[in-house]
Amino acid sequence: MQAYLFPGQGSQRVGMGDGLFEAFPELTEAADAVLGYSIAELCLRDPERRLTRTQFTQPALYVVNALSHRRRLQETGAQPDFVAGHSLGEYNALECAGAVGFEDGLKLVRQRGELMAAAPKGTMAAVVGLPAGRIAEILAENGLEALDVANFNAPAQTILSGLEPDIRAAQDCFERNGATYIPLNVGGAFHSRYMRPAGEAFAAFLAEFTFAEPQIPVVANVDAQPYRSGETARRLADQLTQPVRWLDSVRFLLSEGVTDFLELGPGDVLTKLVRGIRSDFEANPPAPAASAPELEPEARPDAQATVAAWNRRHPVGTRVTVAGYERALTTKTPAVVLFGHRAAVYLEGYNGYFALEEVAPAAPAEAGA
């Protein structure tokens, strides 16, 4: 099976899209009409040096990714079995799958970029060489509670997001623990709590659009699971403040039998990430899912089976009790496997995950509380 992957910010470069704009003049003209400027000039020459500014980066990548897909479709006449995109690239995955039209997708991306650019000044840093579980421990041990994990990119590559002083202050803590710490040249604390005002405004903007059901399974960033009916707008709004679960997304695709990954867009960032994730997956394969139905959740020997059993019994929106919380809470995602071993679920009103071992379905009286 095959999956198409669409890159996000960080893959842009001057000259991207060369040969595509003239090959698809109608789409290029439509993009210019939506944006109010020449997308070809921005991507090919960038005379005003705007391509690194997120309000321009996002539309530029969206258009180049979409035209790259059109060229692939011309060449093969075939669509993939799955699609996924990294952050901004998820809009291309949805467009590829028929959930949104090209122009509507571009309008969404333009608004997303403008809102993110207007968010509080922040930045991001890559932590390389440590697993995500150890990164969480270092954050807790050093009182770095102002930082959020923005991207789970690979087994040993995680991106942190926060305000600039907090990102700088964390560098020594991680380097003392053997990590390579790389501040990124970005203008915002993307996929973090600092995007909440942007997320709320974007949710209102999303409400003006109608989305079709994807004709190809689209793996979502927020929970590494395929989109389900009626949840496109909510997931896209949540994506601004939730981490990109790229590691688990690729693991999901591998577990579904995908063997061929094709990155459509500039660069090969996702191709390199997939290479490392695949090697780790093959060295540490998940337990067979067939064993799940015979086991109760508390008896499960592995996270995959625990997640499978929970999702069979408890749909999104289930009221649950959590140790330390007086009132019942509500699940906002299916259960997922994090860090390759932790069964977890996200709850309404909370930015972090809750381990399934801490969560239990609420009794009827508690559910009505």
Protein backbone atom coordinates (compact mmCIF):
# COMPACT_ATOMS: atom_id res chain seq x y z
CA MET A 1 0.00 0.00 0.00
CA GLN A 2 1.02 3.59 -0.59
CA ALA A 3 0.71 6.85 1.38
CA TYR A 4 1.24 10.39 0.11
CA LEU A 5 2.85 12.76 2.60
CA PHE A 6 2.69 16.56 2.43
CA PRO A 7 5.33 18.70 4.21
CA GLY A 8 4.76 21.76 6.37
CA GLN A 9 6.78 24.78 7.47
CA GLY A 10 10.51 24.27 7.34
CA SER A 11 10.41 22.77 3.85
CA GLN A 12 10.01 26.11 2.04
CA ARG A 13 12.81 27.43 -0.13
CA VAL A 14 13.15 30.07 -2.82
CA GLY A 15 12.70 28.37 -6.20
CA MET A 16 10.15 25.82 -5.04
CA GLY A 17 7.43 25.07 -7.55
CA ASP A 18 9.64 25.65 -10.56
CA GLY A 19 7.84 24.16 -13.56
CA LEU A 20 4.55 23.73 -11.69
CA PHE A 21 3.00 27.17 -11.99
CA GLU A 22 3.16 27.23 -15.78
CA ALA A 23 1.96 23.61 -15.91
CA PHE A 24 -1.21 24.49 -13.97
CA PRO A 25 -2.04 28.08 -14.96
CA GLU A 26 -5.71 27.96 -13.93
CA LEU A 27 -4.91 26.90 -10.38
CA THR A 28 -2.08 29.43 -10.22
CA GLU A 29 -4.45 32.21 -11.28
CA ALA A 30 -7.03 31.04 -8.74
CA ALA A 31 -4.38 31.16 -6.02
CA ASP A 32 -3.36 34.69 -7.03
CA ALA A 33 -7.01 35.78 -6.84
CA VAL A 34 -7.43 34.37 -3.33
CA LEU A 35 -4.15 35.76 -2.01
CA GLY A 36 -3.99 39.10 -3.79
CA TYR A 37 -0.39 38.60 -4.91
CA SER A 38 1.60 36.42 -7.32
CA ILE A 39 2.24 33.03 -5.76
CA ALA A 40 4.76 32.20 -8.49
CA GLU A 41 6.80 35.33 -7.80
CA LEU A 42 6.78 34.63 -4.06
CA CYS A 43 7.92 31.04 -4.45
CA LEU A 44 10.36 31.39 -7.34
CA ARG A 45 12.02 34.73 -6.58
CA ASP A 46 10.74 36.13 -3.25
CA PRO A 47 11.95 39.66 -4.07
CA GLU A 48 10.55 41.11 -0.81
CA ARG A 49 11.95 38.26 1.34
CA ARG A 50 8.55 37.26 2.70
CA LEU A 51 8.76 33.49 2.26
CA THR A 52 10.00 32.86 5.81
CA ARG A 53 7.08 34.80 7.36
CA THR A 54 4.40 32.32 8.36
CA GLN A 55 1.51 34.24 6.79
CA PHE A 56 3.28 33.80 3.44
CA THR A 57 5.02 30.49 4.08
CA GLN A 58 1.79 28.61 4.67
CA PRO A 59 -0.07 29.62 1.47
CA ALA A 60 3.10 29.12 -0.56
CA LEU A 61 3.66 25.58 0.68
CA TYR A 62 -0.02 24.71 0.33
CA VAL A 63 -0.04 25.74 -3.33
CA VAL A 64 3.24 24.01 -4.20
CA ASN A 65 2.15 20.82 -2.40
CA ALA A 66 -1.20 20.86 -4.20
CA LEU A 67 0.40 21.36 -7.62
CA SER A 68 2.90 18.60 -6.86
CA HIS A 69 -0.05 16.30 -6.22
CA ARG A 70 -1.70 17.37 -9.49
CA ARG A 71 1.49 16.51 -11.38
CA ARG A 72 1.64 13.11 -9.70
CA LEU A 73 -1.99 12.50 -10.63
CA GLN A 74 -1.22 13.41 -14.25
CA GLU A 75 1.69 10.99 -14.29
CA THR A 76 -0.01 7.99 -12.70
CA GLY A 77 -3.77 8.55 -12.81
CA ALA A 78 -3.94 6.85 -9.42
CA GLN A 79 -4.55 7.93 -5.85
CA PRO A 80 -2.84 6.51 -2.74
CA ASP A 81 -4.35 4.30 -0.05
CA PHE A 82 -3.69 6.87 2.72
CA VAL A 83 -2.67 10.52 2.99
CA ALA A 84 -1.10 12.52 5.79
CA GLY A 85 0.49 15.92 6.17
CA HIS A 86 2.75 17.51 8.75
CA SER A 87 0.99 20.51 10.35
CA LEU A 88 0.22 22.81 7.38
CA GLY A 89 0.58 19.77 5.10
CA GLU A 90 -2.56 18.25 6.62
CA TYR A 91 -4.60 20.76 4.60
CA ASN A 92 -3.06 19.29 1.45
CA ALA A 93 -3.90 15.80 2.66
CA LEU A 94 -7.54 16.84 3.09
CA GLU A 95 -7.56 18.54 -0.32
CA CYS A 96 -6.02 15.44 -1.91
CA ALA A 97 -8.73 13.30 -0.29
CA GLY A 98 -11.56 15.51 -1.57
CA ALA A 99 -12.60 16.85 1.84
CA VAL A 100 -12.02 20.48 0.78
CA GLY A 101 -11.59 22.22 -2.55
CA PHE A 102 -8.36 23.85 -3.63
CA GLU A 103 -9.54 27.44 -3.20
CA ASP A 104 -11.33 26.86 0.11
CA GLY A 105 -8.25 25.08 1.42
CA LEU A 106 -6.13 28.06 0.43
CA LYS A 107 -8.53 30.48 2.16
CA LEU A 108 -8.24 28.42 5.33
CA VAL A 109 -4.46 28.31 5.12
CA ARG A 110 -4.22 32.05 4.50
CA GLN A 111 -6.35 32.80 7.57
CA ARG A 112 -4.45 30.24 9.64
CA GLY A 113 -1.13 31.84 8.73
CA GLU A 114 -2.35 35.33 9.53
CA LEU A 115 -3.73 34.30 12.92
CA MET A 116 -0.58 32.40 13.83
CA ALA A 117 1.58 35.34 12.80
CA ALA A 118 -0.42 37.62 15.11
CA ALA A 119 -0.06 35.29 18.14
CA PRO A 120 2.23 36.21 21.07
CA LYS A 121 5.89 36.25 20.11
CA GLY A 122 7.41 32.82 20.65
CA THR A 123 9.75 30.30 19.14
CA MET A 124 10.60 26.59 19.03
CA ALA A 125 13.56 24.27 19.55
CA ALA A 126 14.39 20.74 18.44
CA VAL A 127 15.59 18.24 21.02
CA VAL A 128 17.52 15.44 19.33
CA GLY A 129 18.89 12.28 20.89
CA LEU A 130 16.39 11.67 23.69
CA PRO A 131 13.06 9.81 23.70
CA ALA A 132 9.94 11.83 24.36
CA GLY A 133 9.42 10.22 27.76
CA ARG A 134 12.81 11.43 29.00
CA ILE A 135 12.09 14.91 27.61
CA ALA A 136 8.90 15.05 29.67
CA GLU A 137 10.91 14.09 32.76
CA ILE A 138 13.51 16.81 32.15
CA LEU A 139 10.80 19.43 31.72
CA ALA A 140 9.23 18.38 35.03
CA GLU A 141 12.53 18.06 36.91
CA ASN A 142 13.65 21.55 35.94
CA GLY A 143 10.39 23.41 36.39
CA LEU A 144 10.06 24.11 32.67
CA GLU A 145 6.28 24.05 32.83
CA ALA A 146 5.98 27.04 30.47
CA LEU A 147 7.14 24.88 27.53
CA ASP A 148 4.91 22.57 25.49
CA VAL A 149 5.81 19.70 23.21
CA ALA A 150 4.86 20.86 19.71
CA ASN A 151 5.93 17.93 17.52
CA PHE A 152 6.64 14.28 18.18
CA ASN A 153 8.60 13.89 14.96
CA ALA A 154 10.68 10.72 15.41
CA PRO A 155 11.81 8.35 18.17
CA ALA A 156 14.65 10.71 19.11
CA GLN A 157 13.45 14.03 17.68
CA THR A 158 10.95 16.18 19.55
CA ILE A 159 10.12 19.86 19.09
CA LEU A 160 9.43 22.19 22.01
CA SER A 161 7.41 25.38 21.79
CA GLY A 162 7.21 28.40 24.06
CA LEU A 163 8.14 32.00 24.65
CA GLU A 164 11.67 32.98 23.63
CA PRO A 165 13.18 33.37 27.16
CA ASP A 166 11.82 29.97 28.21
CA ILE A 167 13.17 28.25 25.09
CA ARG A 168 16.61 29.79 25.74
CA ALA A 169 16.56 28.83 29.41
CA ALA A 170 15.89 25.17 28.60
CA GLN A 171 18.96 24.66 26.43
CA ASP A 172 21.43 23.97 29.22
CA CYS A 173 19.06 21.52 30.94
CA PHE A 174 18.81 19.34 27.86
CA GLU A 175 22.45 19.55 26.88
CA ARG A 176 23.45 18.40 30.38
CA ASN A 177 21.37 15.29 29.71
CA GLY A 178 23.14 14.49 26.45
CA ALA A 179 20.68 15.97 23.98
CA THR A 180 21.43 18.12 20.98
CA TYR A 181 19.35 21.27 21.40
CA ILE A 182 18.65 23.32 18.26
CA PRO A 183 16.74 26.62 18.47
CA LEU A 184 14.64 26.97 15.33
CA ASN A 185 14.28 30.07 13.18
CA VAL A 186 10.52 30.45 13.50
CA GLY A 187 8.41 33.39 14.58
CA GLY A 188 5.88 31.71 16.85
CA ALA A 189 5.24 29.12 19.53
CA PHE A 190 3.27 26.90 17.19
CA HIS A 191 1.22 23.91 18.41
CA SER A 192 1.19 25.12 22.00
CA ARG A 193 -0.98 26.84 24.58
CA TYR A 194 0.23 30.17 23.18
CA MET A 195 -1.84 29.55 20.07
CA ARG A 196 -5.14 29.37 21.98
CA PRO A 197 -6.41 32.83 20.93
CA ALA A 198 -5.54 31.96 17.33
CA GLY A 199 -7.26 28.59 17.72
CA GLU A 200 -10.45 30.16 19.02
CA ALA A 201 -10.56 32.70 16.20
CA PHE A 202 -9.78 30.01 13.66
CA ALA A 203 -12.57 27.78 14.98
CA ALA A 204 -15.04 30.58 14.25
CA PHE A 205 -13.61 30.97 10.74
CA LEU A 206 -13.81 27.21 10.11
CA ALA A 207 -17.53 27.30 10.94
CA GLU A 208 -18.11 29.19 7.69
CA PHE A 209 -16.91 26.23 5.60
CA THR A 210 -18.49 22.94 4.62
CA PHE A 211 -16.29 19.86 4.45
CA ALA A 212 -16.96 16.70 2.45
CA GLU A 213 -16.18 13.23 3.70
CA PRO A 214 -12.62 12.27 2.73
CA GLN A 215 -12.50 9.78 -0.13
CA ILE A 216 -9.09 8.56 1.07
CA PRO A 217 -8.25 7.98 4.75
CA VAL A 218 -6.53 11.09 6.14
CA VAL A 219 -4.40 10.53 9.24
CA ALA A 220 -4.82 13.46 11.61
CA ASN A 221 -1.98 15.19 13.44
CA VAL A 222 -3.86 15.49 16.73
CA ASP A 223 -4.34 11.77 17.43
CA ALA A 224 -2.63 9.83 14.61
CA GLN A 225 -5.97 8.31 13.58
CA PRO A 226 -8.03 8.69 10.39
CA TYR A 227 -10.56 11.50 10.25
CA ARG A 228 -14.08 10.43 11.13
CA SER A 229 -17.39 11.82 9.93
CA GLY A 230 -18.20 15.37 10.92
CA GLU A 231 -15.02 16.19 12.80
CA THR A 232 -12.87 18.00 10.23
CA ALA A 233 -13.40 21.53 11.54
CA ARG A 234 -12.83 20.53 15.16
CA ARG A 235 -9.62 18.68 14.41
CA LEU A 236 -8.22 21.55 12.36
CA ALA A 237 -8.96 24.01 15.17
CA ASP A 238 -7.41 21.67 17.77
CA GLN A 239 -4.33 21.25 15.61
CA LEU A 240 -3.18 24.80 16.39
CA THR A 241 -2.74 24.08 20.09
CA GLN A 242 -2.09 20.33 20.10
CA PRO A 243 1.21 18.63 19.24
CA VAL A 244 1.80 17.12 15.81
CA ARG A 245 1.92 13.37 16.42
CA TRP A 246 3.96 12.54 13.35
CA LEU A 247 5.79 9.64 14.95
CA ASP A 248 2.54 7.88 15.84
CA SER A 249 0.98 8.81 12.48
CA VAL A 250 3.73 7.00 10.58
CA ARG A 251 3.58 4.08 12.99
CA PHE A 252 -0.15 3.85 12.34
CA LEU A 253 0.44 3.79 8.58
CA LEU A 254 3.10 1.11 8.95
CA SER A 255 0.76 -0.97 11.11
CA GLU A 256 -1.89 -0.67 8.39
CA GLY A 257 0.50 -2.21 5.88
CA VAL A 258 1.80 0.89 4.08
CA THR A 259 5.15 0.11 2.48
CA ASP A 260 5.53 2.98 0.00
CA PHE A 261 5.70 6.58 1.27
CA LEU A 262 5.89 9.41 -1.27
CA GLU A 263 6.52 12.99 -0.17
CA LEU A 264 4.80 15.51 -2.46
CA GLY A 265 6.19 19.00 -2.08
CA PRO A 266 9.56 20.69 -1.69
CA GLY A 267 12.38 18.92 0.10
CA ASP A 268 12.63 15.54 1.78
CA VAL A 269 12.14 16.31 5.49
CA LEU A 270 9.29 13.83 5.88
CA THR A 271 11.06 11.18 3.82
CA LYS A 272 14.00 11.27 6.24
CA LEU A 273 11.71 11.13 9.26
CA VAL A 274 9.87 8.12 7.82
CA ARG A 275 13.15 6.33 7.23
CA GLY A 276 14.07 6.58 10.91
CA ILE A 277 10.59 5.74 12.16
CA ARG A 278 10.39 2.69 9.91
CA SER A 279 13.73 1.37 11.19
CA ASP A 280 12.58 1.77 14.79
CA PHE A 281 9.19 0.20 14.00
CA GLU A 282 10.78 -2.83 12.35
CA ALA A 283 13.18 -3.25 15.28
CA ASN A 284 10.37 -2.91 17.83
CA PRO A 285 7.16 -4.09 16.11
CA PRO A 286 3.86 -3.71 18.01
CA ALA A 287 2.14 -6.80 19.35
CA PRO A 288 -0.43 -8.34 16.97
CA ALA A 289 -3.77 -6.57 17.24
CA ALA A 290 -5.60 -9.90 16.96
CA SER A 291 -4.88 -10.60 20.63
CA ALA A 292 -6.85 -7.57 21.78
CA PRO A 293 -10.47 -8.90 21.80
CA GLU A 294 -9.72 -11.68 24.30
CA LEU A 295 -8.27 -9.39 26.98
CA GLU A 296 -9.80 -6.90 29.36
CA PRO A 297 -8.09 -3.47 29.43
CA GLU A 298 -6.55 -3.89 32.86
CA ALA A 299 -4.99 -7.21 31.82
CA ARG A 300 -3.46 -6.02 28.58
CA PRO A 301 0.27 -6.63 28.19
CA ASP A 302 0.80 -3.81 25.66
CA ALA A 303 -0.42 -0.32 24.91
CA GLN A 304 -1.74 -1.12 21.43
CA ALA A 305 -4.12 -3.71 22.81
CA THR A 306 -5.23 -1.44 25.65
CA VAL A 307 -6.02 1.34 23.18
CA ALA A 308 -7.91 -1.03 20.87
CA ALA A 309 -10.12 -2.28 23.70
CA TRP A 310 -10.83 1.22 25.03
CA ASN A 311 -11.85 2.52 21.60
CA ARG A 312 -14.18 -0.43 21.02
CA ARG A 313 -16.06 0.31 24.22
CA HIS A 314 -15.80 4.06 24.70
CA PRO A 315 -16.51 6.55 21.86
CA VAL A 316 -15.25 10.12 21.84
CA GLY A 317 -17.42 12.11 24.25
CA THR A 318 -17.40 9.47 26.99
CA ARG A 319 -17.66 10.90 30.50
CA VAL A 320 -14.81 9.66 32.67
CA THR A 321 -13.41 10.00 36.17
CA VAL A 322 -9.76 10.82 36.73
CA ALA A 323 -7.78 10.50 39.95
CA GLY A 324 -7.40 13.91 41.55
CA TYR A 325 -10.33 15.53 39.73
CA GLU A 326 -13.64 15.97 41.57
CA ARG A 327 -15.95 16.22 38.54
CA ALA A 328 -16.33 13.86 35.63
CA LEU A 329 -14.45 14.90 32.49
CA THR A 330 -15.13 14.20 28.80
CA THR A 331 -12.87 12.52 26.24
CA LYS A 332 -12.16 14.61 23.15
CA THR A 333 -10.13 12.06 21.16
CA PRO A 334 -9.96 8.30 20.81
CA ALA A 335 -7.31 6.61 22.90
CA VAL A 336 -3.86 6.60 21.27
CA VAL A 337 -0.41 5.15 21.86
CA LEU A 338 2.16 7.82 22.77
CA PHE A 339 5.93 7.46 22.79
CA GLY A 340 5.51 3.92 21.45
CA HIS A 341 4.35 2.49 24.77
CA ARG A 342 1.89 4.71 26.66
CA ALA A 343 -1.88 4.24 26.27
CA ALA A 344 -3.42 7.69 26.65
CA VAL A 345 -6.43 9.87 25.86
CA TYR A 346 -7.04 13.63 25.59
CA LEU A 347 -9.83 15.26 27.59
CA GLU A 348 -11.89 18.36 26.88
CA GLY A 349 -10.39 21.50 28.36
CA TYR A 350 -6.90 20.07 28.90
CA ASN A 351 -3.84 20.53 26.68
CA GLY A 352 -1.96 17.42 27.84
CA TYR A 353 -2.76 13.72 27.69
CA PHE A 354 -4.05 11.45 30.45
CA ALA A 355 -2.75 7.90 30.78
CA LEU A 356 -5.56 5.36 30.38
CA GLU A 357 -4.52 3.73 33.64
CA GLU A 358 -5.64 6.97 35.36
CA VAL A 359 -9.02 7.13 33.57
CA ALA A 360 -12.22 5.16 34.14
CA PRO A 361 -15.72 5.46 32.61
CA ALA A 362 -17.92 7.47 34.94
CA ALA A 363 -20.82 5.84 36.73
CA PRO A 364 -24.24 7.11 35.53
CA ALA A 365 -24.62 9.56 38.41
CA GLU A 366 -21.13 10.94 37.88
CA ALA A 367 -21.65 11.15 34.11
CA GLY A 368 -24.62 13.42 34.67
CA ALA A 369 -22.78 15.69 37.07
